[in-house]
């Protein structure tokens, strides 16, 4: 005779597998959120670096007394942009 309250063995193992899948889903969700957050902050950091390079370059060009100082300002702005890109790439590599 079957008991009314008994649970078949297949149902018990299925619930354990389901909880393991739920934990894996949570971990993958947390991982995706973390990865997205790192990507966002890195992109914002890179954008701010470009903005800083632009404004520093423009200010120095406006303040330049001769053509040499203006060309030095352009070079410095370009170097700052490269530094911003390199810093963003290093950050992405470090967290991946």
PDB file of N, CA and C in Angstrom:
ATOM      1  N   UNK A   1       0.811  -1.164   0.000  1.00  0.00           N
ATOM      2  CA  UNK A   1       0.000   0.000   0.000  1.00  0.00           C
ATOM      3  C   UNK A   1       0.871   1.252   0.000  1.00  0.00           C
ATOM      4  N   UNK A   2       0.520   2.276  -0.783  1.00  0.00           N
ATOM      5  CA  UNK A   2       1.299   3.504  -0.861  1.00  0.00           C
ATOM      6  C   UNK A   2       0.879   4.453   0.238  1.00  0.00           C
ATOM      7  N   UNK A   3       1.884   5.163   0.747  1.00  0.00           N
ATOM      8  CA  UNK A   3       1.568   6.191   1.737  1.00  0.00           C
ATOM      9  C   UNK A   3       1.175   7.470   1.012  1.00  0.00           C
ATOM     10  N   UNK A   4       0.243   8.167   1.558  1.00  0.00           N
ATOM     11  CA  UNK A   4      -0.274   9.364   0.926  1.00  0.00           C
ATOM     12  C   UNK A   4       0.759  10.493   0.952  1.00  0.00           C
ATOM     13  N   UNK A   5       1.528  10.635   2.011  1.00  0.00           N
ATOM     14  CA  UNK A   5       2.466  11.741   2.165  1.00  0.00           C
ATOM     15  C   UNK A   5       3.859  11.446   1.645  1.00  0.00           C
ATOM     16  N   UNK A   6       4.114  10.280   1.106  1.00  0.00           N
ATOM     17  CA  UNK A   6       5.475   9.950   0.678  1.00  0.00           C
ATOM     18  C   UNK A   6       5.808  10.635  -0.644  1.00  0.00           C
ATOM     19  N   UNK A   7       7.091  10.933  -0.817  1.00  0.00           N
ATOM     20  CA  UNK A   7       7.571  11.592  -2.018  1.00  0.00           C
ATOM     21  C   UNK A   7       8.427  10.584  -2.783  1.00  0.00           C
ATOM     22  N   UNK A   8       8.171  10.401  -4.058  1.00  0.00           N
ATOM     23  CA  UNK A   8       8.988   9.462  -4.816  1.00  0.00           C
ATOM     24  C   UNK A   8      10.440   9.924  -4.878  1.00  0.00           C
ATOM     25  N   UNK A   9      11.410   8.991  -4.960  1.00  0.00           N
ATOM     26  CA  UNK A   9      12.830   9.358  -4.958  1.00  0.00           C
ATOM     27  C   UNK A   9      13.215  10.264  -6.121  1.00  0.00           C
ATOM     28  N   UNK A  10      12.601  10.121  -7.263  1.00  0.00           N
ATOM     29  CA  UNK A  10      12.958  10.962  -8.404  1.00  0.00           C
ATOM     30  C   UNK A  10      12.611  12.429  -8.145  1.00  0.00           C
ATOM     31  N   UNK A  11      11.561  12.712  -7.418  1.00  0.00           N
ATOM     32  CA  UNK A  11      11.167  14.088  -7.122  1.00  0.00           C
ATOM     33  C   UNK A  11      12.163  14.742  -6.165  1.00  0.00           C
ATOM     34  N   UNK A  12      12.709  13.966  -5.229  1.00  0.00           N
ATOM     35  CA  UNK A  12      13.668  14.499  -4.267  1.00  0.00           C
ATOM     36  C   UNK A  12      14.956  14.915  -4.971  1.00  0.00           C
ATOM     37  N   UNK A  13      15.478  14.078  -5.850  1.00  0.00           N
ATOM     38  CA  UNK A  13      16.711  14.425  -6.547  1.00  0.00           C
ATOM     39  C   UNK A  13      16.498  15.585  -7.507  1.00  0.00           C
ATOM     40  N   UNK A  14      15.335  15.688  -8.091  1.00  0.00           N
ATOM     41  CA  UNK A  14      15.055  16.782  -9.015  1.00  0.00           C
ATOM     42  C   UNK A  14      15.072  18.117  -8.284  1.00  0.00           C
ATOM     43  N   UNK A  15      14.561  18.153  -7.055  1.00  0.00           N
ATOM     44  CA  UNK A  15      14.551  19.417  -6.320  1.00  0.00           C
ATOM     45  C   UNK A  15      15.970  19.827  -5.935  1.00  0.00           C
ATOM     46  N   UNK A  16      16.834  18.873  -5.616  1.00  0.00           N
ATOM     47  CA  UNK A  16      18.223  19.215  -5.298  1.00  0.00           C
ATOM     48  C   UNK A  16      18.935  19.758  -6.524  1.00  0.00           C
ATOM     49  N   UNK A  17      18.701  19.151  -7.673  1.00  0.00           N
ATOM     50  CA  UNK A  17      19.324  19.642  -8.888  1.00  0.00           C
ATOM     51  C   UNK A  17      18.807  21.039  -9.220  1.00  0.00           C
ATOM     52  N   UNK A  18      17.554  21.283  -8.971  1.00  0.00           N
ATOM     53  CA  UNK A  18      16.977  22.599  -9.237  1.00  0.00           C
ATOM     54  C   UNK A  18      17.597  23.674  -8.375  1.00  0.00           C
ATOM     55  N   UNK A  19      17.872  23.380  -7.108  1.00  0.00           N
ATOM     56  CA  UNK A  19      18.476  24.375  -6.240  1.00  0.00           C
ATOM     57  C   UNK A  19      19.913  24.650  -6.657  1.00  0.00           C
ATOM     58  N   UNK A  20      20.620  23.610  -7.121  1.00  0.00           N
ATOM     59  CA  UNK A  20      21.986  23.827  -7.606  1.00  0.00           C
ATOM     60  C   UNK A  20      21.976  24.724  -8.837  1.00  0.00           C
ATOM     61  N   UNK A  21      21.015  24.517  -9.710  1.00  0.00           N
ATOM     62  CA  UNK A  21      20.911  25.356 -10.899  1.00  0.00           C
ATOM     63  C   UNK A  21      20.597  26.799 -10.513  1.00  0.00           C
ATOM     64  N   UNK A  22      19.767  26.957  -9.489  1.00  0.00           N
ATOM     65  CA  UNK A  22      19.418  28.304  -9.044  1.00  0.00           C
ATOM     66  C   UNK A  22      20.662  29.033  -8.526  1.00  0.00           C
ATOM     67  N   UNK A  23      21.516  28.328  -7.769  1.00  0.00           N
ATOM     68  CA  UNK A  23      22.748  28.927  -7.257  1.00  0.00           C
ATOM     69  C   UNK A  23      23.681  29.295  -8.403  1.00  0.00           C
ATOM     70  N   UNK A  24      23.788  28.413  -9.410  1.00  0.00           N
ATOM     71  CA  UNK A  24      24.642  28.699 -10.561  1.00  0.00           C
ATOM     72  C   UNK A  24      24.115  29.907 -11.330  1.00  0.00           C
ATOM     73  N   UNK A  25      22.801  29.993 -11.454  1.00  0.00           N
ATOM     74  CA  UNK A  25      22.211  31.150 -12.136  1.00  0.00           C
ATOM     75  C   UNK A  25      22.508  32.440 -11.381  1.00  0.00           C
ATOM     76  N   UNK A  26      22.432  32.379 -10.045  1.00  0.00           N
ATOM     77  CA  UNK A  26      22.723  33.564  -9.246  1.00  0.00           C
ATOM     78  C   UNK A  26      24.180  33.973  -9.395  1.00  0.00           C
ATOM     79  N   UNK A  27      25.083  32.975  -9.402  1.00  0.00           N
ATOM     80  CA  UNK A  27      26.495  33.282  -9.567  1.00  0.00           C
ATOM     81  C   UNK A  27      26.770  33.880 -10.941  1.00  0.00           C
ATOM     82  N   UNK A  28      26.149  33.308 -11.967  1.00  0.00           N
ATOM     83  CA  UNK A  28      26.385  33.848 -13.296  1.00  0.00           C
ATOM     84  C   UNK A  28      25.773  35.244 -13.430  1.00  0.00           C
ATOM     85  N   UNK A  29      24.645  35.470 -12.778  1.00  0.00           N
ATOM     86  CA  UNK A  29      24.038  36.797 -12.802  1.00  0.00           C
ATOM     87  C   UNK A  29      24.933  37.805 -12.091  1.00  0.00           C
ATOM     88  N   UNK A  30      25.461  37.418 -10.934  1.00  0.00           N
ATOM     89  CA  UNK A  30      26.370  38.307 -10.213  1.00  0.00           C
ATOM     90  C   UNK A  30      27.618  38.578 -11.044  1.00  0.00           C
ATOM     91  N   UNK A  31      28.105  37.554 -11.705  1.00  0.00           N
ATOM     92  CA  UNK A  31      29.286  37.712 -12.535  1.00  0.00           C
ATOM     93  C   UNK A  31      29.020  38.666 -13.693  1.00  0.00           C
ATOM     94  N   UNK A  32      27.860  38.511 -14.328  1.00  0.00           N
ATOM     95  CA  UNK A  32      27.513  39.401 -15.433  1.00  0.00           C
ATOM     96  C   UNK A  32      27.329  40.838 -14.961  1.00  0.00           C
ATOM     97  N   UNK A  33      26.725  41.011 -13.798  1.00  0.00           N
ATOM     98  CA  UNK A  33      26.536  42.359 -13.255  1.00  0.00           C
ATOM     99  C   UNK A  33      27.890  42.983 -12.951  1.00  0.00           C
ATOM    100  N   UNK A  34      28.779  42.217 -12.340  1.00  0.00           N
ATOM    101  CA  UNK A  34      30.113  42.716 -12.006  1.00  0.00           C
ATOM    102  C   UNK A  34      30.871  43.089 -13.279  1.00  0.00           C
ATOM    103  N   UNK A  35      30.807  42.220 -14.283  1.00  0.00           N
ATOM    104  CA  UNK A  35      31.492  42.474 -15.539  1.00  0.00           C
ATOM    105  C   UNK A  35      30.944  43.730 -16.225  1.00  0.00           C
ATOM    106  N   UNK A  36      29.624  43.873 -16.192  1.00  0.00           N
ATOM    107  CA  UNK A  36      29.005  45.057 -16.781  1.00  0.00           C
ATOM    108  C   UNK A  36      29.390  46.327 -16.040  1.00  0.00           C
ATOM    109  N   UNK A  37      29.441  46.245 -14.721  1.00  0.00           N
ATOM    110  CA  UNK A  37      29.809  47.399 -13.911  1.00  0.00           C
ATOM    111  C   UNK A  37      31.249  47.808 -14.185  1.00  0.00           C
ATOM    112  N   UNK A  38      32.141  46.836 -14.286  1.00  0.00           N
ATOM    113  CA  UNK A  38      33.544  47.127 -14.583  1.00  0.00           C
ATOM    114  C   UNK A  38      33.660  47.777 -15.957  1.00  0.00           C
ATOM    115  N   UNK A  39      32.923  47.235 -16.910  1.00  0.00           N
ATOM    116  CA  UNK A  39      32.956  47.794 -18.265  1.00  0.00           C
ATOM    117  C   UNK A  39      32.446  49.230 -18.276  1.00  0.00           C
ATOM    118  N   UNK A  40      31.363  49.480 -17.571  1.00  0.00           N
ATOM    119  CA  UNK A  40      30.797  50.831 -17.514  1.00  0.00           C
ATOM    120  C   UNK A  40      31.763  51.816 -16.870  1.00  0.00           C
ATOM    121  N   UNK A  41      32.301  51.457 -15.711  1.00  0.00           N
ATOM    122  CA  UNK A  41      33.198  52.379 -15.019  1.00  0.00           C
ATOM    123  C   UNK A  41      34.474  52.624 -15.812  1.00  0.00           C
ATOM    124  N   UNK A  42      34.951  51.587 -16.497  1.00  0.00           N
ATOM    125  CA  UNK A  42      36.144  51.751 -17.317  1.00  0.00           C
ATOM    126  C   UNK A  42      35.870  52.686 -18.487  1.00  0.00           C
ATOM    127  N   UNK A  43      34.703  52.538 -19.102  1.00  0.00           N
ATOM    128  CA  UNK A  43      34.345  53.414 -20.220  1.00  0.00           C
ATOM    129  C   UNK A  43      34.173  54.859 -19.759  1.00  0.00           C
ATOM    130  N   UNK A  44      33.572  55.052 -18.602  1.00  0.00           N
ATOM    131  CA  UNK A  44      33.413  56.409 -18.061  1.00  0.00           C
ATOM    132  C   UNK A  44      34.780  57.007 -17.756  1.00  0.00           C
ATOM    133  N   UNK A  45      35.659  56.183 -17.159  1.00  0.00           N
ATOM    134  CA  UNK A  45      37.008  56.648 -16.852  1.00  0.00           C
ATOM    135  C   UNK A  45      37.739  57.060 -18.130  1.00  0.00           C
ATOM    136  N   UNK A  46      37.607  56.263 -19.171  1.00  0.00           N
ATOM    137  CA  UNK A  46      38.261  56.581 -20.439  1.00  0.00           C
ATOM    138  C   UNK A  46      37.684  57.870 -21.034  1.00  0.00           C
ATOM    139  N   UNK A  47      36.374  58.014 -20.979  1.00  0.00           N
ATOM    140  CA  UNK A  47      35.737  59.224 -21.501  1.00  0.00           C
ATOM    141  C   UNK A  47      36.168  60.470 -20.761  1.00  0.00           C
ATOM    142  N   UNK A  48      36.271  60.362 -19.444  1.00  0.00           N
ATOM    143  CA  UNK A  48      36.744  61.508 -18.655  1.00  0.00           C
ATOM    144  C   UNK A  48      38.189  61.843 -18.989  1.00  0.00           C
ATOM    145  N   UNK A  49      38.994  60.822 -19.245  1.00  0.00           N
ATOM    146  CA  UNK A  49      40.379  61.058 -19.643  1.00  0.00           C
ATOM    147  C   UNK A  49      40.466  61.802 -20.966  1.00  0.00           C
ATOM    148  N   UNK A  50      39.601  61.404 -21.916  1.00  0.00           N
ATOM    149  CA  UNK A  50      39.562  62.107 -23.199  1.00  0.00           C
ATOM    150  C   UNK A  50      39.097  63.554 -23.015  1.00  0.00           C
ATOM    151  N   UNK A  51      38.090  63.746 -22.197  1.00  0.00           N
ATOM    152  CA  UNK A  51      37.602  65.104 -21.941  1.00  0.00           C
ATOM    153  C   UNK A  51      38.666  65.980 -21.317  1.00  0.00           C
ATOM    154  N   UNK A  52      39.374  65.408 -20.349  1.00  0.00           N
ATOM    155  CA  UNK A  52      40.456  66.157 -19.699  1.00  0.00           C
ATOM    156  C   UNK A  52      41.529  66.513 -20.718  1.00  0.00           C
ATOM    157  N   UNK A  53      41.900  65.553 -21.568  1.00  0.00           N
ATOM    158  CA  UNK A  53      42.923  65.813 -22.587  1.00  0.00           C
ATOM    159  C   UNK A  53      42.474  66.916 -23.530  1.00  0.00           C
ATOM    160  N   UNK A  54      41.211  66.885 -23.921  1.00  0.00           N
ATOM    161  CA  UNK A  54      40.695  67.899 -24.832  1.00  0.00           C
ATOM    162  C   UNK A  54      40.785  69.295 -24.217  1.00  0.00           C
ATOM    163  N   UNK A  55      40.278  69.426 -22.992  1.00  0.00           N
ATOM    164  CA  UNK A  55      40.248  70.749 -22.369  1.00  0.00           C
ATOM    165  C   UNK A  55      41.643  71.259 -22.017  1.00  0.00           C
ATOM    166  N   UNK A  56      42.515  70.367 -21.573  1.00  0.00           N
ATOM    167  CA  UNK A  56      43.887  70.799 -21.282  1.00  0.00           C
ATOM    168  C   UNK A  56      44.568  71.255 -22.573  1.00  0.00           C
ATOM    169  N   UNK A  57      44.379  70.474 -23.639  1.00  0.00           N
ATOM    170  CA  UNK A  57      44.987  70.829 -24.920  1.00  0.00           C
ATOM    171  C   UNK A  57      44.471  72.151 -25.452  1.00  0.00           C
ATOM    172  N   UNK A  58      43.159  72.339 -25.384  1.00  0.00           N
ATOM    173  CA  UNK A  58      42.582  73.588 -25.893  1.00  0.00           C
ATOM    174  C   UNK A  58      43.031  74.796 -25.070  1.00  0.00           C
ATOM    175  N   UNK A  59      43.082  74.624 -23.761  1.00  0.00           N
ATOM    176  CA  UNK A  59      43.510  75.729 -22.896  1.00  0.00           C
ATOM    177  C   UNK A  59      44.960  76.107 -23.184  1.00  0.00           C
ATOM    178  N   UNK A  60      45.803  75.084 -23.316  1.00  0.00           N
ATOM    179  CA  UNK A  60      47.213  75.385 -23.582  1.00  0.00           C
ATOM    180  C   UNK A  60      47.402  76.009 -24.959  1.00  0.00           C
ATOM    181  N   UNK A  61      46.576  75.588 -25.933  1.00  0.00           N
ATOM    182  CA  UNK A  61      46.672  76.204 -27.262  1.00  0.00           C
ATOM    183  C   UNK A  61      46.251  77.665 -27.217  1.00  0.00           C
ATOM    184  N   UNK A  62      45.211  77.960 -26.458  1.00  0.00           N
ATOM    185  CA  UNK A  62      44.756  79.347 -26.335  1.00  0.00           C
ATOM    186  C   UNK A  62      45.783  80.215 -25.602  1.00  0.00           C
ATOM    187  N   UNK A  63      46.480  79.619 -24.663  1.00  0.00           N
ATOM    188  CA  UNK A  63      47.454  80.363 -23.870  1.00  0.00           C
ATOM    189  C   UNK A  63      48.829  80.410 -24.529  1.00  0.00           C
ATOM    190  N   UNK A  64      48.991  79.667 -25.614  1.00  0.00           N
ATOM    191  CA  UNK A  64      50.296  79.597 -26.278  1.00  0.00           C
ATOM    192  C   UNK A  64      50.698  80.962 -26.840  1.00  0.00           C
ATOM    193  N   UNK A  65      51.963  81.294 -26.673  1.00  0.00           N
ATOM    194  CA  UNK A  65      52.470  82.573 -27.152  1.00  0.00           C
ATOM    195  C   UNK A  65      53.019  82.473 -28.576  1.00  0.00           C
ATOM    196  N   UNK A  66      53.343  81.249 -28.988  1.00  0.00           N
ATOM    197  CA  UNK A  66      53.866  81.079 -30.341  1.00  0.00           C
ATOM    198  C   UNK A  66      53.435  79.709 -30.895  1.00  0.00           C
ATOM    199  N   UNK A  67      53.821  79.447 -32.123  1.00  0.00           N
ATOM    200  CA  UNK A  67      53.412  78.211 -32.802  1.00  0.00           C
ATOM    201  C   UNK A  67      54.011  76.971 -32.138  1.00  0.00           C
ATOM    202  N   UNK A  68      55.200  77.105 -31.620  1.00  0.00           N
ATOM    203  CA  UNK A  68      55.865  75.976 -30.966  1.00  0.00           C
ATOM    204  C   UNK A  68      55.074  75.521 -29.737  1.00  0.00           C
ATOM    205  N   UNK A  69      54.648  76.451 -28.927  1.00  0.00           N
ATOM    206  CA  UNK A  69      53.868  76.108 -27.733  1.00  0.00           C
ATOM    207  C   UNK A  69      52.520  75.494 -28.119  1.00  0.00           C
ATOM    208  N   UNK A  70      51.933  75.961 -29.202  1.00  0.00           N
ATOM    209  CA  UNK A  70      50.656  75.412 -29.661  1.00  0.00           C
ATOM    210  C   UNK A  70      50.827  73.977 -30.136  1.00  0.00           C
ATOM    211  N   UNK A  71      51.906  73.704 -30.843  1.00  0.00           N
ATOM    212  CA  UNK A  71      52.132  72.332 -31.303  1.00  0.00           C
ATOM    213  C   UNK A  71      52.468  71.417 -30.128  1.00  0.00           C
ATOM    214  N   UNK A  72      53.172  71.949 -29.125  1.00  0.00           N
ATOM    215  CA  UNK A  72      53.446  71.163 -27.914  1.00  0.00           C
ATOM    216  C   UNK A  72      52.141  70.837 -27.176  1.00  0.00           C
ATOM    217  N   UNK A  73      51.209  71.764 -27.186  1.00  0.00           N
ATOM    218  CA  UNK A  73      49.908  71.525 -26.550  1.00  0.00           C
ATOM    219  C   UNK A  73      49.152  70.413 -27.281  1.00  0.00           C
ATOM    220  N   UNK A  74      49.208  70.420 -28.615  1.00  0.00           N
ATOM    221  CA  UNK A  74      48.567  69.347 -29.386  1.00  0.00           C
ATOM    222  C   UNK A  74      49.183  67.991 -29.067  1.00  0.00           C
ATOM    223  N   UNK A  75      50.514  67.961 -28.987  1.00  0.00           N
ATOM    224  CA  UNK A  75      51.203  66.707 -28.678  1.00  0.00           C
ATOM    225  C   UNK A  75      50.857  66.207 -27.272  1.00  0.00           C
ATOM    226  N   UNK A  76      50.793  67.135 -26.337  1.00  0.00           N
ATOM    227  CA  UNK A  76      50.461  66.741 -24.967  1.00  0.00           C
ATOM    228  C   UNK A  76      49.025  66.203 -24.887  1.00  0.00           C
ATOM    229  N   UNK A  77      48.109  66.829 -25.608  1.00  0.00           N
ATOM    230  CA  UNK A  77      46.719  66.362 -25.618  1.00  0.00           C
ATOM    231  C   UNK A  77      46.631  64.962 -26.227  1.00  0.00           C
ATOM    232  N   UNK A  78      47.362  64.737 -27.313  1.00  0.00           N
ATOM    233  CA  UNK A  78      47.364  63.410 -27.932  1.00  0.00           C
ATOM    234  C   UNK A  78      47.954  62.370 -26.981  1.00  0.00           C
ATOM    235  N   UNK A  79      49.013  62.726 -26.269  1.00  0.00           N
ATOM    236  CA  UNK A  79      49.632  61.806 -25.312  1.00  0.00           C
ATOM    237  C   UNK A  79      48.664  61.484 -24.176  1.00  0.00           C
ATOM    238  N   UNK A  80      47.951  62.484 -23.718  1.00  0.00           N
ATOM    239  CA  UNK A  80      46.979  62.262 -22.641  1.00  0.00           C
ATOM    240  C   UNK A  80      45.855  61.329 -23.102  1.00  0.00           C
ATOM    241  N   UNK A  81      45.425  61.448 -24.361  1.00  0.00           N
ATOM    242  CA  UNK A  81      44.392  60.559 -24.892  1.00  0.00           C
ATOM    243  C   UNK A  81      44.893  59.122 -24.949  1.00  0.00           C
ATOM    244  N   UNK A  82      46.131  58.951 -25.377  1.00  0.00           N
ATOM    245  CA  UNK A  82      46.719  57.607 -25.430  1.00  0.00           C
ATOM    246  C   UNK A  82      46.832  57.030 -24.021  1.00  0.00           C
ATOM    247  N   UNK A  83      47.247  57.852 -23.070  1.00  0.00           N
ATOM    248  CA  UNK A  83      47.348  57.398 -21.679  1.00  0.00           C
ATOM    249  C   UNK A  83      45.984  56.988 -21.127  1.00  0.00           C
ATOM    250  N   UNK A  84      44.943  57.718 -21.474  1.00  0.00           N
ATOM    251  CA  UNK A  84      43.591  57.379 -21.015  1.00  0.00           C
ATOM    252  C   UNK A  84      43.155  56.036 -21.601  1.00  0.00           C
ATOM    253  N   UNK A  85      43.438  55.819 -22.874  1.00  0.00           N
ATOM    254  CA  UNK A  85      43.086  54.552 -23.512  1.00  0.00           C
ATOM    255  C   UNK A  85      43.858  53.402 -22.890  1.00  0.00           C
ATOM    256  N   UNK A  86      45.159  53.591 -22.675  1.00  0.00           N
ATOM    257  CA  UNK A  86      45.977  52.539 -22.074  1.00  0.00           C
ATOM    258  C   UNK A  86      45.524  52.206 -20.655  1.00  0.00           C
ATOM    259  N   UNK A  87      45.169  53.211 -19.903  1.00  0.00           N
ATOM    260  CA  UNK A  87      44.693  52.973 -18.534  1.00  0.00           C
ATOM    261  C   UNK A  87      43.390  52.181 -18.545  1.00  0.00           C
ATOM    262  N   UNK A  88      42.497  52.506 -19.467  1.00  0.00           N
ATOM    263  CA  UNK A  88      41.228  51.781 -19.558  1.00  0.00           C
ATOM    264  C   UNK A  88      41.461  50.327 -19.974  1.00  0.00           C
ATOM    265  N   UNK A  89      42.343  50.098 -20.923  1.00  0.00           N
ATOM    266  CA  UNK A  89      42.638  48.731 -21.352  1.00  0.00           C
ATOM    267  C   UNK A  89      43.280  47.931 -20.229  1.00  0.00           C
ATOM    268  N   UNK A  90      44.181  48.554 -19.473  1.00  0.00           N
ATOM    269  CA  UNK A  90      44.810  47.870 -18.341  1.00  0.00           C
ATOM    270  C   UNK A  90      43.776  47.483 -17.286  1.00  0.00           C
ATOM    271  N   UNK A  91      42.835  48.372 -17.025  1.00  0.00           N
ATOM    272  CA  UNK A  91      41.777  48.082 -16.063  1.00  0.00           C
ATOM    273  C   UNK A  91      40.922  46.904 -16.526  1.00  0.00           C
ATOM    274  N   UNK A  92      40.553  46.892 -17.797  1.00  0.00           N
ATOM    275  CA  UNK A  92      39.752  45.793 -18.321  1.00  0.00           C
ATOM    276  C   UNK A  92      40.502  44.472 -18.235  1.00  0.00           C
ATOM    277  N   UNK A  93      41.785  44.478 -18.563  1.00  0.00           N
ATOM    278  CA  UNK A  93      42.587  43.254 -18.488  1.00  0.00           C
ATOM    279  C   UNK A  93      42.740  42.762 -17.053  1.00  0.00           C
ATOM    280  N   UNK A  94      42.907  43.699 -16.127  1.00  0.00           N
ATOM    281  CA  UNK A  94      43.125  43.332 -14.738  1.00  0.00           C
ATOM    282  C   UNK A  94      41.910  42.619 -14.135  1.00  0.00           C
ATOM    283  N   UNK A  95      40.716  43.022 -14.538  1.00  0.00           N
ATOM    284  CA  UNK A  95      39.512  42.466 -13.945  1.00  0.00           C
ATOM    285  C   UNK A  95      38.923  41.309 -14.718  1.00  0.00           C
ATOM    286  N   UNK A  96      39.487  40.941 -15.844  1.00  0.00           N
ATOM    287  CA  UNK A  96      38.949  39.807 -16.612  1.00  0.00           C
ATOM    288  C   UNK A  96      39.615  38.534 -16.278  1.00  0.00           C
TER     289      UNK A  96
END
